[in-house]
Structure formats: C-alpha cells, structure tokens
N, C-alpha and C. Protein backbone atom coordinates (compact mmCIF):
# COMPACT_ATOMS: atom_id res chain seq x y z
N UNK A 1 -12.60 -11.84 -9.40
CA UNK A 1 -12.34 -12.59 -10.62
C UNK A 1 -12.54 -11.69 -11.84
N UNK A 2 -11.91 -12.05 -12.96
CA UNK A 2 -11.98 -11.26 -14.17
C UNK A 2 -13.18 -11.71 -14.99
N UNK A 3 -13.99 -10.76 -15.38
CA UNK A 3 -15.18 -11.06 -16.15
C UNK A 3 -14.89 -10.98 -17.63
N UNK A 4 -15.31 -12.00 -18.39
CA UNK A 4 -15.11 -11.99 -19.83
C UNK A 4 -16.01 -10.99 -20.52
N UNK A 5 -17.01 -10.49 -19.78
CA UNK A 5 -17.93 -9.52 -20.36
C UNK A 5 -17.55 -8.10 -20.02
N UNK A 6 -16.42 -7.88 -19.34
CA UNK A 6 -15.98 -6.52 -18.99
C UNK A 6 -15.82 -5.72 -20.28
N UNK A 7 -16.47 -4.56 -20.35
CA UNK A 7 -16.46 -3.76 -21.56
C UNK A 7 -15.10 -3.17 -21.87
N UNK A 8 -14.18 -3.21 -20.89
CA UNK A 8 -12.87 -2.60 -21.10
C UNK A 8 -11.78 -3.63 -21.38
N UNK A 9 -12.17 -4.84 -21.77
CA UNK A 9 -11.18 -5.90 -21.94
C UNK A 9 -10.17 -5.59 -23.03
N UNK A 10 -10.50 -4.74 -23.97
CA UNK A 10 -9.56 -4.43 -25.04
C UNK A 10 -8.58 -3.33 -24.64
N UNK A 11 -8.85 -2.63 -23.57
CA UNK A 11 -7.97 -1.56 -23.11
C UNK A 11 -7.03 -2.10 -22.04
N UNK A 12 -5.83 -1.51 -21.90
CA UNK A 12 -4.91 -1.96 -20.85
C UNK A 12 -5.50 -1.74 -19.46
N UNK A 13 -5.10 -2.60 -18.56
CA UNK A 13 -5.48 -2.47 -17.16
C UNK A 13 -4.25 -2.03 -16.38
N UNK A 14 -4.43 -1.12 -15.44
CA UNK A 14 -3.32 -0.70 -14.58
C UNK A 14 -3.31 -1.61 -13.35
N UNK A 15 -2.25 -2.39 -13.21
CA UNK A 15 -2.20 -3.45 -12.21
C UNK A 15 -1.04 -3.25 -11.23
N UNK A 16 -1.20 -3.82 -10.04
CA UNK A 16 -0.10 -3.91 -9.08
C UNK A 16 -0.34 -5.09 -8.17
N UNK A 17 0.72 -5.53 -7.52
CA UNK A 17 0.67 -6.65 -6.58
C UNK A 17 0.92 -6.10 -5.18
N UNK A 18 0.13 -6.54 -4.22
CA UNK A 18 0.25 -5.99 -2.86
C UNK A 18 -0.11 -7.03 -1.81
N UNK A 19 0.36 -6.77 -0.60
CA UNK A 19 -0.09 -7.49 0.58
C UNK A 19 -1.32 -6.75 1.11
N UNK A 20 -2.46 -7.42 1.25
CA UNK A 20 -3.65 -6.74 1.75
C UNK A 20 -3.62 -6.59 3.26
N UNK A 21 -4.40 -5.65 3.78
CA UNK A 21 -4.62 -5.54 5.22
C UNK A 21 -5.93 -6.24 5.55
N UNK A 22 -5.99 -6.98 6.64
CA UNK A 22 -7.24 -7.68 6.99
C UNK A 22 -8.30 -6.69 7.44
N UNK A 23 -9.58 -7.10 7.45
CA UNK A 23 -10.67 -6.18 7.80
C UNK A 23 -10.49 -5.49 9.15
N UNK A 24 -9.97 -6.20 10.15
CA UNK A 24 -9.85 -5.58 11.47
C UNK A 24 -8.80 -4.47 11.48
N UNK A 25 -7.77 -4.58 10.65
CA UNK A 25 -6.77 -3.52 10.57
C UNK A 25 -7.30 -2.36 9.74
N UNK A 26 -8.05 -2.65 8.69
CA UNK A 26 -8.70 -1.59 7.94
C UNK A 26 -9.65 -0.80 8.84
N UNK A 27 -10.32 -1.49 9.76
CA UNK A 27 -11.21 -0.80 10.69
C UNK A 27 -10.44 0.15 11.59
N UNK A 28 -9.22 -0.23 11.99
CA UNK A 28 -8.39 0.66 12.80
C UNK A 28 -7.97 1.89 12.00
N UNK A 29 -7.66 1.71 10.73
CA UNK A 29 -7.34 2.86 9.87
C UNK A 29 -8.55 3.78 9.78
N UNK A 30 -9.73 3.22 9.59
CA UNK A 30 -10.96 4.02 9.52
C UNK A 30 -11.14 4.85 10.79
N UNK A 31 -10.92 4.24 11.95
CA UNK A 31 -11.11 4.94 13.21
C UNK A 31 -10.06 6.01 13.45
N UNK A 32 -8.86 5.84 12.85
CA UNK A 32 -7.79 6.82 13.05
C UNK A 32 -7.88 8.00 12.09
N UNK A 33 -8.59 7.85 11.00
CA UNK A 33 -8.61 8.90 9.99
C UNK A 33 -9.11 10.25 10.52
N UNK A 34 -10.17 10.32 11.33
CA UNK A 34 -10.59 11.64 11.82
C UNK A 34 -9.50 12.38 12.58
N UNK A 35 -8.73 11.66 13.40
CA UNK A 35 -7.63 12.29 14.13
C UNK A 35 -6.57 12.81 13.18
N UNK A 36 -6.21 12.00 12.20
CA UNK A 36 -5.20 12.40 11.23
C UNK A 36 -5.68 13.57 10.38
N UNK A 37 -6.90 13.51 9.92
CA UNK A 37 -7.43 14.57 9.07
C UNK A 37 -7.55 15.89 9.82
N UNK A 38 -7.84 15.82 11.12
CA UNK A 38 -7.94 17.05 11.91
C UNK A 38 -6.60 17.72 12.11
N UNK A 39 -5.54 16.91 12.14
CA UNK A 39 -4.23 17.48 12.44
C UNK A 39 -3.33 17.69 11.26
N UNK A 40 -3.60 17.05 10.13
CA UNK A 40 -2.68 17.08 8.99
C UNK A 40 -3.44 17.45 7.72
N UNK A 41 -3.14 18.61 7.14
CA UNK A 41 -3.93 19.10 6.00
C UNK A 41 -3.48 18.52 4.65
N UNK A 42 -3.87 17.29 4.39
CA UNK A 42 -3.64 16.71 3.07
C UNK A 42 -4.92 16.83 2.23
N UNK A 43 -4.74 16.91 0.92
CA UNK A 43 -5.88 17.14 0.04
C UNK A 43 -6.63 15.85 -0.32
N UNK A 44 -5.92 14.73 -0.40
CA UNK A 44 -6.55 13.49 -0.86
C UNK A 44 -6.25 12.37 0.12
N UNK A 45 -7.31 11.86 0.73
CA UNK A 45 -7.17 10.78 1.71
C UNK A 45 -7.60 9.47 1.08
N UNK A 46 -6.87 8.41 1.39
CA UNK A 46 -7.14 7.11 0.80
C UNK A 46 -8.40 6.52 1.42
N UNK A 47 -9.23 5.92 0.59
CA UNK A 47 -10.39 5.20 1.09
C UNK A 47 -9.90 4.03 1.95
N UNK A 48 -10.50 3.80 3.12
CA UNK A 48 -10.02 2.72 3.99
C UNK A 48 -9.98 1.35 3.32
N UNK A 49 -10.88 1.11 2.36
CA UNK A 49 -10.86 -0.18 1.67
C UNK A 49 -9.68 -0.30 0.71
N UNK A 50 -9.02 0.82 0.41
CA UNK A 50 -7.91 0.81 -0.54
C UNK A 50 -6.54 0.66 0.11
N UNK A 51 -6.46 0.63 1.43
CA UNK A 51 -5.14 0.55 2.08
C UNK A 51 -4.52 -0.82 1.81
N UNK A 52 -3.20 -0.82 1.58
CA UNK A 52 -2.48 -2.04 1.22
C UNK A 52 -0.99 -1.76 1.34
N UNK A 53 -0.19 -2.80 1.15
CA UNK A 53 1.27 -2.67 1.12
C UNK A 53 1.72 -3.09 -0.28
N UNK A 54 2.08 -2.14 -1.11
CA UNK A 54 2.48 -2.45 -2.47
C UNK A 54 3.77 -3.27 -2.48
N UNK A 55 3.80 -4.29 -3.31
CA UNK A 55 5.02 -5.07 -3.55
C UNK A 55 5.64 -4.69 -4.89
N UNK A 56 4.83 -4.75 -5.95
CA UNK A 56 5.32 -4.46 -7.30
C UNK A 56 4.23 -3.71 -8.06
N UNK A 57 4.61 -2.56 -8.63
CA UNK A 57 3.71 -1.84 -9.53
C UNK A 57 3.97 -2.33 -10.94
N UNK A 58 2.92 -2.83 -11.60
CA UNK A 58 3.07 -3.41 -12.93
C UNK A 58 2.71 -2.42 -14.02
N UNK A 59 1.81 -1.51 -13.75
CA UNK A 59 1.41 -0.52 -14.73
C UNK A 59 0.43 -1.07 -15.75
N UNK A 60 0.33 -0.40 -16.90
CA UNK A 60 -0.63 -0.78 -17.92
C UNK A 60 -0.30 -2.16 -18.48
N UNK A 61 -1.29 -3.04 -18.44
CA UNK A 61 -1.11 -4.43 -18.82
C UNK A 61 -2.28 -4.89 -19.67
N UNK A 62 -2.01 -5.57 -20.75
CA UNK A 62 -3.07 -6.13 -21.58
C UNK A 62 -3.82 -7.21 -20.80
N UNK A 63 -5.15 -7.21 -20.83
CA UNK A 63 -5.89 -8.25 -20.10
C UNK A 63 -5.47 -9.66 -20.48
N UNK A 64 -5.04 -9.85 -21.73
CA UNK A 64 -4.61 -11.18 -22.16
C UNK A 64 -3.36 -11.65 -21.43
N UNK A 65 -2.62 -10.72 -20.81
CA UNK A 65 -1.40 -11.08 -20.09
C UNK A 65 -1.67 -11.47 -18.64
N UNK A 66 -2.89 -11.30 -18.19
CA UNK A 66 -3.21 -11.56 -16.79
C UNK A 66 -3.02 -13.04 -16.40
N UNK A 67 -3.42 -14.00 -17.23
CA UNK A 67 -3.19 -15.40 -16.82
C UNK A 67 -1.74 -15.72 -16.52
N UNK A 68 -0.80 -15.16 -17.27
CA UNK A 68 0.61 -15.40 -16.99
C UNK A 68 0.99 -14.79 -15.65
N UNK A 69 0.44 -13.62 -15.34
CA UNK A 69 0.68 -13.01 -14.03
C UNK A 69 0.13 -13.89 -12.92
N UNK A 70 -1.07 -14.39 -13.12
CA UNK A 70 -1.67 -15.25 -12.11
C UNK A 70 -0.84 -16.51 -11.88
N UNK A 71 -0.31 -17.07 -12.95
CA UNK A 71 0.54 -18.25 -12.79
C UNK A 71 1.81 -17.92 -12.01
N UNK A 72 2.40 -16.75 -12.28
CA UNK A 72 3.60 -16.33 -11.56
C UNK A 72 3.31 -16.12 -10.08
N UNK A 73 2.17 -15.50 -9.78
CA UNK A 73 1.83 -15.25 -8.38
C UNK A 73 1.43 -16.54 -7.66
N UNK A 74 0.89 -17.50 -8.39
CA UNK A 74 0.62 -18.81 -7.80
C UNK A 74 1.93 -19.47 -7.39
N UNK A 75 2.95 -19.38 -8.24
CA UNK A 75 4.27 -19.93 -7.89
C UNK A 75 4.83 -19.22 -6.67
N UNK A 76 4.72 -17.90 -6.66
CA UNK A 76 5.23 -17.13 -5.52
C UNK A 76 4.55 -17.57 -4.22
N UNK A 77 3.22 -17.68 -4.25
CA UNK A 77 2.48 -18.05 -3.04
C UNK A 77 2.82 -19.46 -2.58
N UNK A 78 3.17 -20.33 -3.51
CA UNK A 78 3.51 -21.70 -3.13
C UNK A 78 4.83 -21.77 -2.37
N UNK A 79 5.68 -20.75 -2.54
CA UNK A 79 6.98 -20.71 -1.85
C UNK A 79 6.93 -19.89 -0.57
N UNK A 80 5.96 -19.01 -0.44
CA UNK A 80 5.95 -18.04 0.65
C UNK A 80 5.46 -18.65 1.97
N UNK A 81 5.99 -18.11 3.05
CA UNK A 81 5.62 -18.54 4.40
C UNK A 81 4.95 -17.35 5.11
N UNK A 82 3.82 -17.57 5.81
CA UNK A 82 3.19 -16.46 6.54
C UNK A 82 4.15 -15.84 7.54
N UNK A 83 3.98 -14.52 7.76
CA UNK A 83 4.86 -13.81 8.69
C UNK A 83 4.09 -12.67 9.33
N UNK A 84 4.52 -12.22 10.53
CA UNK A 84 3.78 -11.19 11.26
C UNK A 84 4.12 -9.78 10.78
N UNK A 85 3.11 -8.92 10.75
CA UNK A 85 3.27 -7.50 10.46
C UNK A 85 2.40 -6.70 11.42
N UNK A 86 2.70 -5.42 11.53
CA UNK A 86 1.87 -4.52 12.32
C UNK A 86 2.06 -3.09 11.80
N UNK A 87 1.05 -2.25 12.01
CA UNK A 87 1.19 -0.83 11.73
C UNK A 87 1.98 -0.20 12.86
N UNK A 88 2.81 0.79 12.50
CA UNK A 88 3.71 1.36 13.50
C UNK A 88 4.03 2.82 13.15
N UNK A 89 3.35 3.76 13.81
CA UNK A 89 3.64 5.17 13.62
C UNK A 89 3.22 5.69 12.25
N UNK A 90 3.65 6.91 11.95
CA UNK A 90 3.37 7.55 10.66
C UNK A 90 4.61 8.29 10.19
N UNK A 91 4.61 8.66 8.91
CA UNK A 91 5.71 9.42 8.35
C UNK A 91 5.32 10.00 7.01
N UNK A 92 6.27 10.66 6.36
CA UNK A 92 5.99 11.31 5.08
C UNK A 92 7.09 11.02 4.07
N UNK A 93 6.74 11.14 2.80
CA UNK A 93 7.68 11.15 1.69
C UNK A 93 7.60 12.51 1.02
N UNK A 94 8.73 13.01 0.56
CA UNK A 94 8.75 14.29 -0.14
C UNK A 94 9.39 15.37 0.71
N UNK A 95 9.39 16.58 0.18
CA UNK A 95 9.97 17.71 0.90
C UNK A 95 9.26 17.91 2.23
N UNK A 96 9.98 18.11 3.33
CA UNK A 96 9.33 18.27 4.63
C UNK A 96 8.30 19.38 4.66
N UNK A 97 8.54 20.47 3.91
CA UNK A 97 7.61 21.60 3.93
C UNK A 97 6.33 21.31 3.13
N UNK A 98 6.39 20.37 2.21
CA UNK A 98 5.22 20.05 1.38
C UNK A 98 5.31 18.59 0.94
N UNK A 99 5.13 17.66 1.86
CA UNK A 99 5.29 16.25 1.53
C UNK A 99 4.25 15.76 0.53
N UNK A 100 4.66 14.78 -0.27
CA UNK A 100 3.77 14.19 -1.26
C UNK A 100 2.83 13.16 -0.66
N UNK A 101 3.33 12.42 0.33
CA UNK A 101 2.60 11.26 0.83
C UNK A 101 2.69 11.20 2.35
N UNK A 102 1.57 10.89 2.98
CA UNK A 102 1.53 10.54 4.40
C UNK A 102 1.32 9.04 4.48
N UNK A 103 2.15 8.37 5.30
CA UNK A 103 2.03 6.92 5.37
C UNK A 103 2.01 6.41 6.80
N UNK A 104 1.48 5.20 6.95
CA UNK A 104 1.61 4.44 8.20
C UNK A 104 2.82 3.53 8.04
N UNK A 105 3.65 3.50 9.08
CA UNK A 105 4.83 2.65 9.04
C UNK A 105 4.49 1.21 9.38
N UNK A 106 5.49 0.34 9.24
CA UNK A 106 5.30 -1.08 9.46
C UNK A 106 6.34 -1.62 10.42
N UNK A 107 5.93 -2.57 11.22
CA UNK A 107 6.83 -3.32 12.07
C UNK A 107 6.55 -4.80 11.88
N UNK A 108 7.24 -5.62 12.65
CA UNK A 108 7.09 -7.05 12.51
C UNK A 108 8.25 -7.65 11.74
N UNK A 109 7.99 -8.68 10.97
CA UNK A 109 9.05 -9.37 10.24
C UNK A 109 9.31 -8.67 8.90
N UNK A 110 9.99 -7.53 8.97
CA UNK A 110 10.28 -6.77 7.76
C UNK A 110 11.24 -7.50 6.82
N UNK A 111 12.23 -8.26 7.32
CA UNK A 111 13.05 -9.04 6.38
C UNK A 111 12.22 -9.99 5.52
N UNK A 112 11.19 -10.61 6.12
CA UNK A 112 10.33 -11.50 5.34
C UNK A 112 9.55 -10.72 4.30
N UNK A 113 9.12 -9.52 4.64
CA UNK A 113 8.41 -8.68 3.68
C UNK A 113 9.33 -8.29 2.52
N UNK A 114 10.57 -7.95 2.82
CA UNK A 114 11.52 -7.60 1.77
C UNK A 114 11.81 -8.80 0.87
N UNK A 115 11.90 -9.99 1.45
CA UNK A 115 12.12 -11.18 0.63
C UNK A 115 10.94 -11.43 -0.29
N UNK A 116 9.73 -11.24 0.24
CA UNK A 116 8.53 -11.43 -0.57
C UNK A 116 8.51 -10.45 -1.73
N UNK A 117 8.86 -9.19 -1.45
CA UNK A 117 8.88 -8.19 -2.51
C UNK A 117 9.91 -8.53 -3.58
N UNK A 118 11.09 -8.96 -3.15
CA UNK A 118 12.13 -9.32 -4.11
C UNK A 118 11.69 -10.49 -4.98
N UNK A 119 10.99 -11.45 -4.39
CA UNK A 119 10.50 -12.59 -5.15
C UNK A 119 9.45 -12.14 -6.16
N UNK A 120 8.54 -11.26 -5.73
CA UNK A 120 7.51 -10.74 -6.64
C UNK A 120 8.14 -9.95 -7.77
N UNK A 121 9.17 -9.17 -7.46
CA UNK A 121 9.85 -8.39 -8.49
C UNK A 121 10.54 -9.30 -9.49
N UNK A 122 11.13 -10.39 -9.03
CA UNK A 122 11.78 -11.34 -9.94
C UNK A 122 10.76 -11.98 -10.87
N UNK A 123 9.64 -12.40 -10.32
CA UNK A 123 8.60 -13.01 -11.15
C UNK A 123 8.11 -12.01 -12.21
N UNK A 124 7.92 -10.75 -11.80
CA UNK A 124 7.46 -9.74 -12.75
C UNK A 124 8.50 -9.49 -13.83
N UNK A 125 9.77 -9.44 -13.43
CA UNK A 125 10.83 -9.19 -14.40
C UNK A 125 10.90 -10.31 -15.44
N UNK A 126 10.67 -11.54 -15.02
CA UNK A 126 10.71 -12.65 -15.96
C UNK A 126 9.59 -12.57 -16.99
N UNK A 127 8.53 -11.81 -16.66
CA UNK A 127 7.43 -11.61 -17.61
C UNK A 127 7.60 -10.32 -18.41
N UNK A 128 8.74 -9.63 -18.21
CA UNK A 128 9.02 -8.45 -19.01
C UNK A 128 8.68 -7.12 -18.37
N UNK A 129 8.27 -7.12 -17.09
CA UNK A 129 7.97 -5.87 -16.40
C UNK A 129 9.26 -5.26 -15.89
N UNK A 130 9.46 -3.99 -16.20
CA UNK A 130 10.70 -3.31 -15.80
C UNK A 130 10.70 -3.04 -14.31
N UNK A 131 11.82 -3.24 -13.63
CA UNK A 131 11.89 -2.90 -12.19
C UNK A 131 11.78 -1.40 -11.99
N UNK A 132 11.34 -1.01 -10.79
CA UNK A 132 11.12 0.41 -10.52
C UNK A 132 12.41 1.21 -10.41
N UNK A 133 13.51 0.57 -10.11
CA UNK A 133 14.78 1.27 -10.08
C UNK A 133 15.03 2.08 -8.82
N UNK A 134 14.35 1.77 -7.73
CA UNK A 134 14.59 2.44 -6.46
C UNK A 134 14.44 1.43 -5.33
N UNK A 135 15.05 1.75 -4.22
CA UNK A 135 15.00 0.84 -3.08
C UNK A 135 13.58 0.68 -2.58
N UNK A 136 13.25 -0.52 -2.17
CA UNK A 136 11.91 -0.79 -1.67
C UNK A 136 11.74 -0.19 -0.27
N UNK A 137 10.69 0.59 -0.09
CA UNK A 137 10.39 1.23 1.20
C UNK A 137 8.95 0.88 1.56
N UNK A 138 8.71 -0.24 2.23
CA UNK A 138 7.33 -0.67 2.50
C UNK A 138 6.60 0.28 3.44
N UNK A 139 5.34 0.53 3.12
CA UNK A 139 4.51 1.46 3.90
C UNK A 139 3.06 1.28 3.49
N UNK A 140 2.17 1.93 4.21
CA UNK A 140 0.75 1.96 3.86
C UNK A 140 0.37 3.42 3.61
N UNK A 141 0.08 3.77 2.37
CA UNK A 141 -0.27 5.15 2.04
C UNK A 141 -1.62 5.52 2.66
N UNK A 142 -1.64 6.68 3.33
CA UNK A 142 -2.86 7.18 3.95
C UNK A 142 -3.42 8.42 3.25
N UNK A 143 -2.54 9.28 2.75
CA UNK A 143 -2.99 10.53 2.12
C UNK A 143 -1.92 11.04 1.17
N UNK A 144 -2.35 11.93 0.27
CA UNK A 144 -1.44 12.53 -0.70
C UNK A 144 -1.69 14.03 -0.79
N UNK A 145 -0.68 14.74 -1.27
CA UNK A 145 -0.75 16.17 -1.59
C UNK A 145 -1.04 17.02 -0.35
N UNK A 146 0.02 17.38 0.34
CA UNK A 146 -0.07 18.27 1.50
C UNK A 146 -0.60 19.63 1.07
N UNK A 147 -1.58 20.15 1.80
CA UNK A 147 -2.21 21.42 1.47
C UNK A 147 -1.44 22.56 2.11
N UNK A 148 -0.24 22.85 1.60
CA UNK A 148 0.60 23.91 2.16
C UNK A 148 -0.13 25.24 2.12
N UNK A 149 -0.09 25.95 3.24
CA UNK A 149 -0.73 27.26 3.30
C UNK A 149 -2.21 27.21 3.59
N UNK A 150 -2.75 25.99 3.68
CA UNK A 150 -4.18 25.89 3.94
C UNK A 150 -4.52 26.22 5.37
N UNK A 151 -5.65 26.79 5.58
CA UNK A 151 -6.08 27.14 6.93
C UNK A 151 -6.92 26.04 7.54
N UNK A 152 -7.67 26.38 8.54
CA UNK A 152 -8.57 25.43 9.16
C UNK A 152 -7.86 24.62 10.23
N UNK A 153 -8.52 23.52 10.60
CA UNK A 153 -8.05 22.72 11.72
C UNK A 153 -6.67 22.14 11.45
N UNK A 154 -6.37 21.81 10.18
CA UNK A 154 -5.08 21.19 9.88
C UNK A 154 -3.91 22.09 10.15
N UNK A 155 -4.08 23.40 10.01
CA UNK A 155 -2.95 24.30 10.15
C UNK A 155 -2.40 24.34 11.57
N UNK A 156 -3.18 23.94 12.54
CA UNK A 156 -2.75 24.01 13.94
C UNK A 156 -1.57 23.09 14.21
N UNK A 157 -1.42 22.03 13.40
CA UNK A 157 -0.34 21.08 13.65
C UNK A 157 0.60 21.00 12.46
N UNK A 158 0.73 22.06 11.72
CA UNK A 158 1.58 22.00 10.55
C UNK A 158 3.03 21.69 10.94
N UNK A 159 3.43 22.06 12.16
CA UNK A 159 4.79 21.75 12.59
C UNK A 159 5.04 20.25 12.62
N UNK A 160 3.96 19.45 12.68
CA UNK A 160 4.14 18.01 12.71
C UNK A 160 4.74 17.48 11.41
N UNK A 161 4.68 18.26 10.33
CA UNK A 161 5.23 17.84 9.05
C UNK A 161 6.55 18.52 8.76
N UNK A 162 7.33 18.77 9.79
CA UNK A 162 8.65 19.36 9.63
C UNK A 162 9.72 18.45 10.21
N UNK A 163 9.79 17.19 9.81
CA UNK A 163 10.87 16.33 10.29
C UNK A 163 12.20 16.81 9.73
N UNK A 164 13.28 16.29 10.27
CA UNK A 164 14.60 16.72 9.84
C UNK A 164 14.87 16.39 8.38
N UNK A 165 14.34 15.30 7.91
CA UNK A 165 14.50 14.95 6.51
C UNK A 165 13.30 14.13 6.06
N UNK A 166 13.06 14.13 4.75
CA UNK A 166 11.91 13.42 4.21
C UNK A 166 12.01 11.94 4.54
N UNK A 167 10.86 11.33 4.84
CA UNK A 167 10.82 9.91 5.12
C UNK A 167 10.95 9.58 6.59
N UNK A 168 11.18 10.56 7.45
CA UNK A 168 11.26 10.29 8.89
C UNK A 168 9.86 10.38 9.50
N UNK A 169 9.67 9.85 10.70
CA UNK A 169 8.34 9.86 11.30
C UNK A 169 7.80 11.26 11.52
N UNK A 170 6.50 11.39 11.45
CA UNK A 170 5.83 12.64 11.78
C UNK A 170 5.79 12.74 13.31
N UNK A 171 6.43 13.75 13.92
CA UNK A 171 6.55 13.78 15.37
C UNK A 171 5.23 13.71 16.12
N UNK A 172 4.22 14.43 15.65
CA UNK A 172 2.97 14.47 16.40
C UNK A 172 2.22 13.14 16.39
N UNK A 173 2.58 12.26 15.46
CA UNK A 173 1.90 10.98 15.34
C UNK A 173 2.90 9.83 15.24
N UNK A 174 4.04 9.97 15.92
CA UNK A 174 5.11 8.99 15.74
C UNK A 174 4.94 7.74 16.60
N UNK A 175 4.07 7.78 17.59
CA UNK A 175 3.88 6.62 18.45
C UNK A 175 2.87 5.64 17.88
N UNK A 176 2.48 4.69 18.68
CA UNK A 176 1.55 3.66 18.23
C UNK A 176 0.14 3.86 18.77
N UNK A 177 -0.16 5.02 19.35
CA UNK A 177 -1.48 5.24 19.91
C UNK A 177 -2.57 5.15 18.85
N UNK A 178 -2.24 5.48 17.60
CA UNK A 178 -3.23 5.39 16.53
C UNK A 178 -3.54 3.96 16.15
N UNK A 179 -2.63 3.03 16.46
CA UNK A 179 -2.77 1.68 15.94
C UNK A 179 -2.77 0.64 17.06
N UNK A 180 -3.69 0.70 17.99
CA UNK A 180 -3.73 -0.32 19.04
C UNK A 180 -4.08 -1.69 18.44
N UNK A 181 -3.27 -2.65 18.77
CA UNK A 181 -3.52 -4.04 18.33
C UNK A 181 -3.58 -4.16 16.81
N UNK A 182 -2.84 -3.30 16.09
CA UNK A 182 -2.86 -3.35 14.63
C UNK A 182 -1.82 -4.33 14.11
N UNK A 183 -1.94 -5.57 14.54
CA UNK A 183 -1.01 -6.62 14.13
C UNK A 183 -1.79 -7.74 13.44
N UNK A 184 -1.14 -8.38 12.49
CA UNK A 184 -1.78 -9.48 11.78
C UNK A 184 -0.71 -10.38 11.18
N UNK A 185 -1.15 -11.50 10.66
CA UNK A 185 -0.25 -12.41 9.96
C UNK A 185 -0.47 -12.25 8.46
N UNK A 186 0.58 -11.82 7.75
CA UNK A 186 0.50 -11.70 6.30
C UNK A 186 0.58 -13.10 5.70
N UNK A 187 -0.46 -13.51 5.00
CA UNK A 187 -0.50 -14.88 4.49
C UNK A 187 -0.99 -14.95 3.05
N UNK A 188 -0.96 -13.78 2.35
CA UNK A 188 -1.42 -13.78 0.97
C UNK A 188 -0.97 -12.52 0.26
N UNK A 189 -0.99 -12.58 -1.06
CA UNK A 189 -0.83 -11.38 -1.88
C UNK A 189 -2.05 -11.27 -2.79
N UNK A 190 -2.28 -10.07 -3.30
CA UNK A 190 -3.44 -9.81 -4.15
C UNK A 190 -2.98 -9.10 -5.41
N UNK A 191 -3.55 -9.49 -6.54
CA UNK A 191 -3.38 -8.76 -7.79
C UNK A 191 -4.53 -7.76 -7.88
N UNK A 192 -4.16 -6.46 -7.90
CA UNK A 192 -5.16 -5.40 -7.92
C UNK A 192 -5.19 -4.70 -9.27
N UNK A 193 -6.38 -4.20 -9.59
CA UNK A 193 -6.56 -3.34 -10.75
C UNK A 193 -7.01 -1.95 -10.27
N UNK A 194 -6.35 -0.92 -10.77
CA UNK A 194 -6.73 0.45 -10.43
C UNK A 194 -7.89 0.89 -11.30
N UNK A 195 -8.95 1.37 -10.66
CA UNK A 195 -10.14 1.87 -11.35
C UNK A 195 -10.24 3.37 -11.09
N UNK A 196 -9.64 4.15 -11.98
CA UNK A 196 -9.61 5.59 -11.78
C UNK A 196 -11.02 6.16 -11.75
N UNK A 197 -11.23 7.11 -10.84
CA UNK A 197 -12.53 7.76 -10.73
C UNK A 197 -13.51 7.04 -9.83
N UNK A 198 -13.15 5.87 -9.33
CA UNK A 198 -14.03 5.13 -8.44
C UNK A 198 -13.55 5.25 -7.00
N UNK A 199 -14.43 4.97 -6.07
CA UNK A 199 -14.08 4.96 -4.66
C UNK A 199 -14.87 3.86 -3.97
N UNK A 200 -14.22 2.81 -3.48
CA UNK A 200 -12.79 2.54 -3.51
C UNK A 200 -12.26 2.42 -4.95
N UNK A 201 -10.95 2.63 -5.10
CA UNK A 201 -10.35 2.71 -6.43
C UNK A 201 -9.65 1.42 -6.84
N UNK A 202 -9.29 0.58 -5.88
CA UNK A 202 -8.50 -0.60 -6.20
C UNK A 202 -9.38 -1.85 -6.14
N UNK A 203 -9.48 -2.52 -7.27
CA UNK A 203 -10.31 -3.72 -7.38
C UNK A 203 -9.43 -4.96 -7.27
N UNK A 204 -9.68 -5.82 -6.27
CA UNK A 204 -8.92 -7.06 -6.19
C UNK A 204 -9.39 -8.03 -7.28
N UNK A 205 -8.45 -8.45 -8.13
CA UNK A 205 -8.78 -9.39 -9.19
C UNK A 205 -8.70 -10.83 -8.70
N UNK A 206 -7.64 -11.11 -7.91
CA UNK A 206 -7.49 -12.47 -7.37
C UNK A 206 -6.49 -12.45 -6.23
N UNK A 207 -6.73 -13.25 -5.22
CA UNK A 207 -5.76 -13.35 -4.12
C UNK A 207 -5.08 -14.71 -4.19
N UNK A 208 -3.85 -14.73 -3.64
CA UNK A 208 -3.01 -15.91 -3.70
C UNK A 208 -2.53 -16.21 -2.28
N UNK A 209 -3.10 -17.22 -1.66
CA UNK A 209 -2.81 -17.56 -0.28
C UNK A 209 -1.53 -18.38 -0.21
N UNK A 210 -0.68 -18.05 0.76
CA UNK A 210 0.58 -18.77 0.91
C UNK A 210 0.29 -20.22 1.29
N UNK A 211 0.98 -21.13 0.65
CA UNK A 211 0.75 -22.55 0.91
C UNK A 211 1.95 -23.23 1.53
N UNK A 212 3.09 -22.52 1.65
CA UNK A 212 4.27 -23.15 2.22
C UNK A 212 4.20 -23.18 3.73
N UNK A 213 4.63 -24.28 4.28
CA UNK A 213 4.68 -24.41 5.73
C UNK A 213 6.07 -24.18 6.28
N UNK A 214 6.99 -23.73 5.45
CA UNK A 214 8.35 -23.50 5.90
C UNK A 214 9.30 -24.50 5.29
C-alpha cells in the first residue's frame, strides 16, 4: 500500500504493471540461479524476489496519478480470467556475442497473456501513457549485461550464448530441467514501483486479483 508519509511523495515514481510469480516458482528460480551463474557470465543477476512478467512499463509517474491507475487496473482485473503459465527454457535478447538480457521463457496459455497485456496497454493509453512501440515479447528477466571476455567458471560455456539470432533459446539451457513443476495459474496483476539502489528493487504497491469467472 502507498504511505501518505512517504518522504518521496513529491517526486515521480517509476512504475510498471506485471504478472507476479508465486512463491513456489520464485523458489525454483532461486534454486536454478547457481547453475545459471556458473555457466553464464552475466554481470547483474535479478534478485529472486524481483522476478515477474512485465505487461506495461509506465515510467515516471506523479504519486497523485496512482489512484487513477489503480482504478484502471481494478477494471482490468474485473474482466480478466485466470489462465495457466509455466517457465520454459531460457534465451537472450541482444547481439548473440554480447547479449543484453538473459531470460526464462514462458509456456501455457500465451494467447491469454497477450490479451491481458493488450488490455493493460489500452487502459494505460487512456490515461495518457505512451505505448512502447514494439511487439510484446513476454519473458522473465534473470540477468543483464553479458560479461564478454570475462574469465572464470562462466567462460567454460560461453558457446551457450551463440544462438543463430538474438532472442532464440540458449542451447545449453534450452530444456525444462531448470524448471521442474514451474507451472501456476496467473490470477492477478501487480502495480510495482522501482526502488533504485535497493535489493529487492521492485516494491509491490497493490495487487489486483482477477474476479471474472469467464
């Protein structure tokens, strides 16, 4: 919840809307991180509590505008129907030789996820938030900034980050062995605030549970 005594209420808040991962799936990410970190030399790894599926990045927002966002997300949740998701493999974004992002892929009802994202984007646009201008590619970010040329344990599997083109699965981790039973029912969205310099960095302001039965 938003505190009226927050000392930063006069400054903009950096906000985004996302589908959260449940605690049991976050635990699977935590258990997989040592394997990933040993094989893939990225400089910045996401805190397990920060993993999520972004729907809409809102950016800097005046705290006074948050109630309107909450009302929009309440409307969205009233229309949404729960749907199944699961973690599925890994991949990268960016140049194959030096990717920007390592991600966990998603399976399950991806059409439902795309519909949810489109609905969230429409609600945001009606409040004046500019669309991102690129196709939606749902994923769970795990790490950023590939340490090209770095030595140590990560260098032994650097070939794993040489897919044919950016955005394709990482061959060494393309299966589902990292994510046993990493399936859940997506039944809510969360409005998050980014807290730079903190760990975990993403503060949930409010969650919106789906109320539609179909």
